[in-house]
């Protein structure tokens, strides 16, 4: 008996209308392949978020201009909007270019980039520039680079790569090995000081540990260690002590928290209207840390809820796609990147509504900032690259013909 196996594909034939289309599934150009492989729903959600961010920065820009005008310097009313627009024009092509990279190249680039930005993070205490009581930036001419922002997506990919090696070498203590870079990064961040970013890095690390199959005993030890670290930070780390006291016990200056709450609630459900907000002029950082409050004042609490749902939709979209992912590295890297993205958004919104102490953390793709915008675009580009799917393989079918003599 002979067995003949034929391969049948539902990919459009040359006569199909798809073939005549520039981006048809039958096309083999790199752009066409990228278009059909990319998660277009996720890309659309991110595009909407970036558009919302430009509108929000335009609303907050006059208040930021007033706050930073002085000492003979006048900041134009729309200065920060035009700057954010320029950063967006740079960042979006970077995101699309990164999303088109093959997985191996994207992973290799992230690992190399992680080493570079870890070295820059170590140089911040030496050559960094200070602002608002923290030294987090490296000045490059008129621009400022924040290494920790760029290191975040690289760290998620690096830890995912490390934990994905467990299948090949189950005897190696990968969890213990990962403690070394985590501890080094935490020490460098706390020195700046930047307690909020330390929380982000540690949370992503723990999420990846859990997904990689770490034992309950290890997770319990890490949980106890984390609790001890928080208590120690409160007792011996002045920045954490001050912020926790302000949040829990209302001790010291609560001006930021009070102003954020007043601004957020001033617009009611529907807001005062674009440009009509008044409380935003009293906010300390209306275009960065507290831009969510500005949105609440001018566009209403309904707009704030819609933005929160947009972030939730991005996290859920990626999570649902990962349910059918079989590659360990792709699963861990995508989970780490989306956890980092969602947690940063959650922390910023919680600070604005008074459910968390102030941390100086931006709202992803909405807050003003060049380093933040480009770093987030790199991270989202990596996420889009790691969640790409080949539709041709899914559409193909195999038919087996049995021919007997």
Protein backbone atom coordinates (compact mmCIF):
# COMPACT_ATOMS: atom_id res chain seq x y z
CA UNK A 1 0.00 0.00 0.00
CA UNK A 2 1.31 3.43 -0.94
CA UNK A 3 0.58 6.55 1.02
CA UNK A 4 0.55 9.87 -0.82
CA UNK A 5 0.57 13.01 1.24
CA UNK A 6 -0.50 16.26 -0.39
CA UNK A 7 -0.32 19.75 1.07
CA UNK A 8 -3.30 21.96 0.53
CA UNK A 9 -3.30 25.55 1.60
CA UNK A 10 -6.09 28.05 1.91
CA UNK A 11 -3.60 30.83 1.20
CA UNK A 12 -5.09 32.84 -1.69
CA UNK A 13 -4.01 31.73 -5.17
CA UNK A 14 -2.58 34.15 -7.76
CA UNK A 15 -6.09 34.65 -9.09
CA UNK A 16 -7.42 35.63 -5.66
CA UNK A 17 -8.34 39.29 -5.04
CA UNK A 18 -5.94 39.15 -2.08
CA UNK A 19 -3.06 38.58 -4.50
CA UNK A 20 -3.84 41.78 -6.32
CA UNK A 21 -3.91 43.74 -3.07
CA UNK A 22 -0.72 45.44 -1.94
CA UNK A 23 -0.97 43.88 1.52
CA UNK A 24 -2.74 40.66 0.50
CA UNK A 25 -1.94 37.42 2.29
CA UNK A 26 -0.44 36.05 -0.91
CA UNK A 27 2.19 38.75 -0.97
CA UNK A 28 5.70 37.83 0.14
CA UNK A 29 7.12 41.32 0.64
CA UNK A 30 8.49 42.04 4.14
CA UNK A 31 5.86 44.74 4.78
CA UNK A 32 3.02 42.43 3.72
CA UNK A 33 4.31 39.59 5.88
CA UNK A 34 4.64 41.95 8.85
CA UNK A 35 1.10 43.26 8.30
CA UNK A 36 -0.46 39.80 8.39
CA UNK A 37 1.69 38.42 11.20
CA UNK A 38 1.40 41.37 13.62
CA UNK A 39 -1.35 41.55 16.24
CA UNK A 40 -3.30 44.35 14.55
CA UNK A 41 -5.78 44.65 17.42
CA UNK A 42 -2.94 45.23 19.89
CA UNK A 43 -1.32 47.72 17.52
CA UNK A 44 -4.63 49.58 17.20
CA UNK A 45 -5.07 49.78 20.98
CA UNK A 46 -1.55 51.17 21.40
CA UNK A 47 -2.14 53.69 18.59
CA UNK A 48 -5.30 54.91 20.32
CA UNK A 49 -3.37 55.23 23.58
CA UNK A 50 -0.66 57.32 21.91
CA UNK A 51 -3.33 59.59 20.40
CA UNK A 52 -4.97 60.00 23.80
CA UNK A 53 -1.55 60.86 25.22
CA UNK A 54 -1.03 63.69 22.74
CA UNK A 55 -4.43 65.15 23.62
CA UNK A 56 -3.68 64.85 27.33
CA UNK A 57 -0.26 66.53 27.03
CA UNK A 58 -1.88 69.32 25.01
CA UNK A 59 -4.34 69.84 27.87
CA UNK A 60 -1.61 69.77 30.54
CA UNK A 61 1.00 71.75 28.62
CA UNK A 62 -0.23 75.26 29.60
CA UNK A 63 -0.18 74.37 33.29
CA UNK A 64 3.32 72.89 32.96
CA UNK A 65 4.43 75.98 31.05
CA UNK A 66 3.22 78.27 33.82
CA UNK A 67 4.87 76.15 36.51
CA UNK A 68 8.26 76.03 34.79
CA UNK A 69 8.29 79.66 33.69
CA UNK A 70 10.35 81.88 35.93
CA UNK A 71 13.85 83.15 36.60
CA UNK A 72 13.76 85.02 33.32
CA UNK A 73 12.64 81.95 31.35
CA UNK A 74 9.26 81.84 29.63
CA UNK A 75 7.83 78.51 28.53
CA UNK A 76 5.28 78.69 25.72
CA UNK A 77 1.79 77.41 26.46
CA UNK A 78 2.10 74.48 24.00
CA UNK A 79 5.83 73.87 24.41
CA UNK A 80 5.47 70.44 26.00
CA UNK A 81 2.86 69.37 23.44
CA UNK A 82 5.15 70.16 20.51
CA UNK A 83 8.02 68.42 22.23
CA UNK A 84 5.88 65.33 22.88
CA UNK A 85 4.72 65.35 19.27
CA UNK A 86 8.36 65.39 18.14
CA UNK A 87 9.20 62.48 20.47
CA UNK A 88 6.18 60.57 19.14
CA UNK A 89 7.31 61.07 15.54
CA UNK A 90 10.64 59.51 16.53
CA UNK A 91 9.26 56.78 18.78
CA UNK A 92 6.50 55.29 16.59
CA UNK A 93 8.83 54.30 13.71
CA UNK A 94 11.18 52.76 16.29
CA UNK A 95 8.29 50.68 17.68
CA UNK A 96 7.28 49.49 14.20
CA UNK A 97 10.88 48.68 13.26
CA UNK A 98 11.44 46.66 16.44
CA UNK A 99 8.13 44.82 15.92
CA UNK A 100 9.37 43.63 12.51
CA UNK A 101 12.55 42.03 13.88
CA UNK A 102 12.86 38.22 13.87
CA UNK A 103 12.57 36.76 17.35
CA UNK A 104 16.23 35.73 17.58
CA UNK A 105 17.49 39.16 16.54
CA UNK A 106 15.03 40.95 18.86
CA UNK A 107 16.15 38.77 21.77
CA UNK A 108 19.84 39.29 21.03
CA UNK A 109 19.38 43.06 20.69
CA UNK A 110 17.50 43.19 24.00
CA UNK A 111 20.24 41.25 25.80
CA UNK A 112 22.98 43.50 24.43
CA UNK A 113 20.90 46.60 25.15
CA UNK A 114 20.34 45.36 28.70
CA UNK A 115 24.08 45.23 29.34
CA UNK A 116 24.56 48.71 27.85
CA UNK A 117 21.83 50.34 29.92
CA UNK A 118 22.85 48.48 33.07
CA UNK A 119 26.31 50.04 32.64
CA UNK A 120 24.71 53.47 32.12
CA UNK A 121 22.57 52.95 35.22
CA UNK A 122 25.74 52.27 37.19
CA UNK A 123 27.20 55.55 35.85
CA UNK A 124 24.21 57.65 36.94
CA UNK A 125 25.58 58.33 40.48
CA UNK A 126 28.87 59.43 38.90
CA UNK A 127 27.85 61.56 35.89
CA UNK A 128 24.08 61.86 36.36
CA UNK A 129 22.13 65.09 36.64
CA UNK A 130 19.69 65.79 39.48
CA UNK A 131 16.12 67.05 39.31
CA UNK A 132 13.39 67.22 41.98
CA UNK A 133 15.69 65.72 44.58
CA UNK A 134 16.65 62.63 42.55
CA UNK A 135 19.58 61.75 40.29
CA UNK A 136 18.12 59.55 37.56
CA UNK A 137 19.24 61.11 34.29
CA UNK A 138 22.35 61.42 32.15
CA UNK A 139 22.55 64.69 30.24
CA UNK A 140 23.40 64.42 26.55
CA UNK A 141 23.53 67.99 25.29
CA UNK A 142 20.08 69.54 25.73
CA UNK A 143 18.45 66.11 26.15
CA UNK A 144 18.32 63.85 29.20
CA UNK A 145 18.49 60.07 29.13
CA UNK A 146 16.98 57.97 31.92
CA UNK A 147 18.73 54.56 31.76
CA UNK A 148 16.24 52.81 34.05
CA UNK A 149 13.39 53.43 31.57
CA UNK A 150 15.29 51.68 28.78
CA UNK A 151 16.53 48.91 31.06
CA UNK A 152 13.00 47.83 32.06
CA UNK A 153 12.01 46.06 28.80
CA UNK A 154 15.54 44.69 28.37
CA UNK A 155 15.40 43.25 31.89
CA UNK A 156 12.10 41.47 31.20
CA UNK A 157 13.51 39.87 28.05
CA UNK A 158 16.79 38.91 29.74
CA UNK A 159 15.03 37.24 32.69
CA UNK A 160 12.68 35.44 30.27
CA UNK A 161 15.65 34.13 28.31
CA UNK A 162 17.37 32.98 31.51
CA UNK A 163 14.32 31.15 32.86
CA UNK A 164 13.54 29.59 29.46
CA UNK A 165 16.87 27.72 29.67
CA UNK A 166 15.54 25.57 32.53
CA UNK A 167 14.18 23.00 30.06
CA UNK A 168 17.70 22.37 28.70
CA UNK A 169 19.57 22.47 32.01
CA UNK A 170 17.08 21.68 34.81
CA UNK A 171 19.89 21.17 37.31
CA UNK A 172 21.16 24.75 37.25
CA UNK A 173 19.80 27.12 39.96
CA UNK A 174 18.38 29.70 37.55
CA UNK A 175 16.28 31.36 40.25
CA UNK A 176 19.33 31.97 42.42
CA UNK A 177 21.35 33.17 39.43
CA UNK A 178 18.66 35.74 38.65
CA UNK A 179 18.97 37.20 42.15
CA UNK A 180 22.34 38.74 41.24
CA UNK A 181 21.16 41.13 38.48
CA UNK A 182 17.95 41.87 40.39
CA UNK A 183 19.85 42.83 43.54
CA UNK A 184 22.34 44.93 41.56
CA UNK A 185 19.60 46.85 39.77
CA UNK A 186 17.66 47.37 43.01
CA UNK A 187 20.75 48.75 44.75
CA UNK A 188 21.46 51.17 41.88
CA UNK A 189 17.84 52.36 41.76
CA UNK A 190 17.53 52.89 45.51
CA UNK A 191 20.68 55.01 45.40
CA UNK A 192 19.07 57.49 42.96
CA UNK A 193 16.55 57.23 44.82
CA UNK A 194 13.81 55.53 42.77
CA UNK A 195 11.67 53.27 44.93
CA UNK A 196 8.88 53.07 42.32
CA UNK A 197 11.07 51.65 39.57
CA UNK A 198 12.52 49.17 42.05
CA UNK A 199 8.99 47.89 42.69
CA UNK A 200 8.41 47.48 38.94
CA UNK A 201 11.61 45.51 38.36
CA UNK A 202 11.02 43.28 41.39
CA UNK A 203 7.38 42.63 40.43
CA UNK A 204 8.29 41.59 36.87
CA UNK A 205 11.02 39.33 38.24
CA UNK A 206 8.58 37.61 40.62
CA UNK A 207 5.95 37.19 37.87
CA UNK A 208 8.51 35.48 35.62
CA UNK A 209 9.68 33.29 38.49
CA UNK A 210 6.11 32.14 39.08
CA UNK A 211 5.46 31.44 35.39
CA UNK A 212 8.74 29.55 35.03
CA UNK A 213 7.66 27.05 37.67
CA UNK A 214 9.56 28.18 40.75
CA UNK A 215 8.75 26.14 43.85
CA UNK A 216 6.25 27.37 46.41
CA UNK A 217 9.00 27.23 49.03
CA UNK A 218 11.16 29.62 47.01
CA UNK A 219 8.23 31.94 46.32
CA UNK A 220 7.36 31.94 50.01
CA UNK A 221 10.93 32.83 50.93
CA UNK A 222 10.92 35.64 48.36
CA UNK A 223 7.60 36.91 49.69
CA UNK A 224 8.96 37.00 53.24
CA UNK A 225 12.12 38.67 51.97
CA UNK A 226 10.10 41.27 50.09
CA UNK A 227 8.04 42.06 53.17
CA UNK A 228 11.22 42.39 55.21
CA UNK A 229 12.68 44.69 52.53
CA UNK A 230 9.62 46.97 52.67
CA UNK A 231 9.79 47.16 56.47
CA UNK A 232 13.53 47.85 56.30
CA UNK A 233 12.97 50.54 53.67
CA UNK A 234 10.40 52.19 55.91
CA UNK A 235 12.71 52.09 58.93
CA UNK A 236 16.03 52.99 57.32
CA UNK A 237 15.31 54.53 53.88
CA UNK A 238 14.27 58.16 54.33
CA UNK A 239 12.50 58.48 50.97
CA UNK A 240 10.29 55.46 51.66
CA UNK A 241 9.65 56.61 55.24
CA UNK A 242 8.51 60.05 54.12
CA UNK A 243 6.21 58.82 51.37
CA UNK A 244 4.65 56.03 53.41
CA UNK A 245 4.03 58.41 56.32
CA UNK A 246 2.37 60.88 53.97
CA UNK A 247 0.18 58.19 52.47
CA UNK A 248 -0.81 56.19 55.55
CA UNK A 249 -0.62 58.70 58.37
CA UNK A 250 -0.99 62.03 56.53
CA UNK A 251 2.20 63.25 58.15
CA UNK A 252 4.25 66.04 56.64
CA UNK A 253 3.50 67.85 53.42
CA UNK A 254 0.54 66.26 51.57
CA UNK A 255 0.29 69.05 48.99
CA UNK A 256 0.78 66.76 45.97
CA UNK A 257 -1.83 64.25 47.06
CA UNK A 258 -4.36 66.97 47.93
CA UNK A 259 -3.85 68.81 44.63
CA UNK A 260 -4.12 65.61 42.60
CA UNK A 261 -7.41 64.70 44.27
CA UNK A 262 -8.82 68.21 43.84
CA UNK A 263 -7.86 68.30 40.15
CA UNK A 264 -9.15 64.82 39.37
CA UNK A 265 -12.57 65.44 40.90
CA UNK A 266 -13.02 69.04 39.74
CA UNK A 267 -14.45 68.01 36.38
CA UNK A 268 -17.08 65.60 37.63
CA UNK A 269 -18.26 62.87 35.26
CA UNK A 270 -17.96 64.80 31.98
CA UNK A 271 -15.17 67.27 32.72
CA UNK A 272 -14.83 71.02 32.39
CA UNK A 273 -13.95 70.79 28.71
CA UNK A 274 -10.60 70.96 26.86
CA UNK A 275 -8.54 73.88 28.12
CA UNK A 276 -11.11 74.91 30.74
CA UNK A 277 -9.47 73.28 33.75
CA UNK A 278 -8.23 75.53 36.54
CA UNK A 279 -7.06 73.16 39.27
CA UNK A 280 -4.39 71.74 36.95
CA UNK A 281 -2.39 74.95 37.42
CA UNK A 282 -1.83 73.96 41.06
CA UNK A 283 -0.41 70.51 40.27
CA UNK A 284 3.35 70.00 40.78
CA UNK A 285 3.84 67.79 37.67
CA UNK A 286 0.70 68.20 35.54
CA UNK A 287 2.25 66.84 32.32
CA UNK A 288 4.03 63.79 33.78
CA UNK A 289 3.21 62.18 37.13
CA UNK A 290 -0.25 63.72 37.52
CA UNK A 291 -1.49 63.91 33.93
CA UNK A 292 -4.25 61.40 34.81
CA UNK A 293 -5.68 64.02 37.17
CA UNK A 294 -5.64 66.62 34.38
CA UNK A 295 -7.60 64.20 32.20
CA UNK A 296 -10.13 63.78 35.00
CA UNK A 297 -10.60 67.54 35.32
CA UNK A 298 -10.96 68.42 31.64
CA UNK A 299 -12.49 65.25 30.19
CA UNK A 300 -14.25 63.78 33.23
CA UNK A 301 -14.12 60.65 35.31
CA UNK A 302 -15.75 58.73 32.45
CA UNK A 303 -12.67 59.45 30.32
CA UNK A 304 -10.45 58.20 33.15
CA UNK A 305 -12.42 54.96 33.32
CA UNK A 306 -12.16 54.57 29.54
CA UNK A 307 -8.37 54.97 29.69
CA UNK A 308 -8.13 52.41 32.49
CA UNK A 309 -10.19 50.02 30.35
CA UNK A 310 -7.84 50.65 27.43
CA UNK A 311 -4.85 49.56 29.51
CA UNK A 312 -6.82 46.55 30.74
CA UNK A 313 -7.72 45.63 27.15
CA UNK A 314 -4.03 45.62 26.16
CA UNK A 315 -3.10 43.37 29.10
CA UNK A 316 -6.01 40.99 28.45
CA UNK A 317 -5.32 40.88 24.70
CA UNK A 318 -1.75 39.75 25.25
CA UNK A 319 -2.70 37.37 28.07
CA UNK A 320 -5.30 35.60 25.92
CA UNK A 321 -2.84 35.17 23.07
CA UNK A 322 -0.31 33.66 25.47
CA UNK A 323 -2.74 30.91 26.48
CA UNK A 324 -1.90 29.11 23.23
CA UNK A 325 1.83 29.95 23.17
CA UNK A 326 4.05 26.86 23.39
CA UNK A 327 7.49 28.45 23.24
CA UNK A 328 8.80 29.06 26.77
CA UNK A 329 10.84 32.13 25.89
CA UNK A 330 8.07 33.85 23.93
CA UNK A 331 5.57 33.17 26.70
CA UNK A 332 7.83 34.47 29.46
CA UNK A 333 9.12 37.49 27.52
CA UNK A 334 5.63 38.59 26.46
CA UNK A 335 4.25 38.05 29.97
CA UNK A 336 7.10 40.04 31.49
CA UNK A 337 6.71 42.94 29.07
CA UNK A 338 2.93 43.21 29.41
CA UNK A 339 3.13 42.83 33.22
CA UNK A 340 5.62 45.69 33.36
CA UNK A 341 3.43 47.85 31.12
CA UNK A 342 0.21 47.16 33.00
CA UNK A 343 1.76 47.51 36.46
CA UNK A 344 3.31 50.88 35.63
CA UNK A 345 -0.06 52.17 34.40
CA UNK A 346 -1.83 50.80 37.48
CA UNK A 347 0.64 52.39 39.91
CA UNK A 348 0.41 55.80 38.24
CA UNK A 349 -3.40 55.76 38.28
CA UNK A 350 -3.47 54.60 41.91
CA UNK A 351 -1.18 57.48 42.90
CA UNK A 352 -3.48 59.96 41.14
CA UNK A 353 -6.61 58.68 42.91
CA UNK A 354 -4.85 58.50 46.28
CA UNK A 355 -4.60 54.71 46.59
CA UNK A 356 -0.77 54.60 46.55
CA UNK A 357 2.01 56.92 47.71
CA UNK A 358 3.67 59.21 45.17
CA UNK A 359 6.40 57.43 43.16
CA UNK A 360 7.35 59.78 40.31
CA UNK A 361 6.21 57.25 37.70
CA UNK A 362 4.83 58.16 34.28
CA UNK A 363 1.58 56.93 32.73
CA UNK A 364 2.64 54.78 29.73
CA UNK A 365 2.29 56.51 26.35
CA UNK A 366 0.31 59.37 27.94
CA UNK A 367 2.70 61.24 30.23
CA UNK A 368 5.21 63.65 28.71
CA UNK A 369 8.79 62.45 28.39
CA UNK A 370 11.30 61.59 25.67
CA UNK A 371 13.06 58.73 27.47
CA UNK A 372 9.73 57.31 28.58
CA UNK A 373 8.16 57.50 25.11
CA UNK A 374 11.08 55.91 23.27
CA UNK A 375 11.67 53.23 25.93
CA UNK A 376 7.98 52.31 25.96
CA UNK A 377 8.01 52.13 22.16
CA UNK A 378 10.96 49.74 22.27
CA UNK A 379 9.19 47.62 24.88
CA UNK A 380 5.92 47.55 22.92
CA UNK A 381 7.84 46.82 19.71
CA UNK A 382 9.42 43.81 21.42
CA UNK A 383 5.99 42.70 22.65
CA UNK A 384 4.55 43.00 19.13
CA UNK A 385 7.53 41.05 17.74
CA UNK A 386 7.14 38.24 20.29
CA UNK A 387 3.38 37.91 19.73
CA UNK A 388 3.54 37.78 15.93
CA UNK A 389 1.83 34.79 14.34
CA UNK A 390 2.17 33.28 10.87
CA UNK A 391 -1.36 33.08 9.37
CA UNK A 392 -0.21 30.89 6.47
CA UNK A 393 0.63 28.02 8.81
CA UNK A 394 -2.78 28.23 10.47
CA UNK A 395 -4.67 28.33 7.17
CA UNK A 396 -2.82 25.37 5.69
CA UNK A 397 -4.37 21.91 5.78
CA UNK A 398 -2.92 18.48 5.14
CA UNK A 399 -4.78 15.81 3.18
CA UNK A 400 -3.69 12.17 3.20
CA UNK A 401 -4.63 10.00 0.22
CA UNK A 402 -4.45 6.25 0.60
CA UNK A 403 -3.77 4.40 -2.67
CA UNK A 404 -3.75 0.61 -2.58
CA UNK A 405 -2.48 -1.70 -5.29
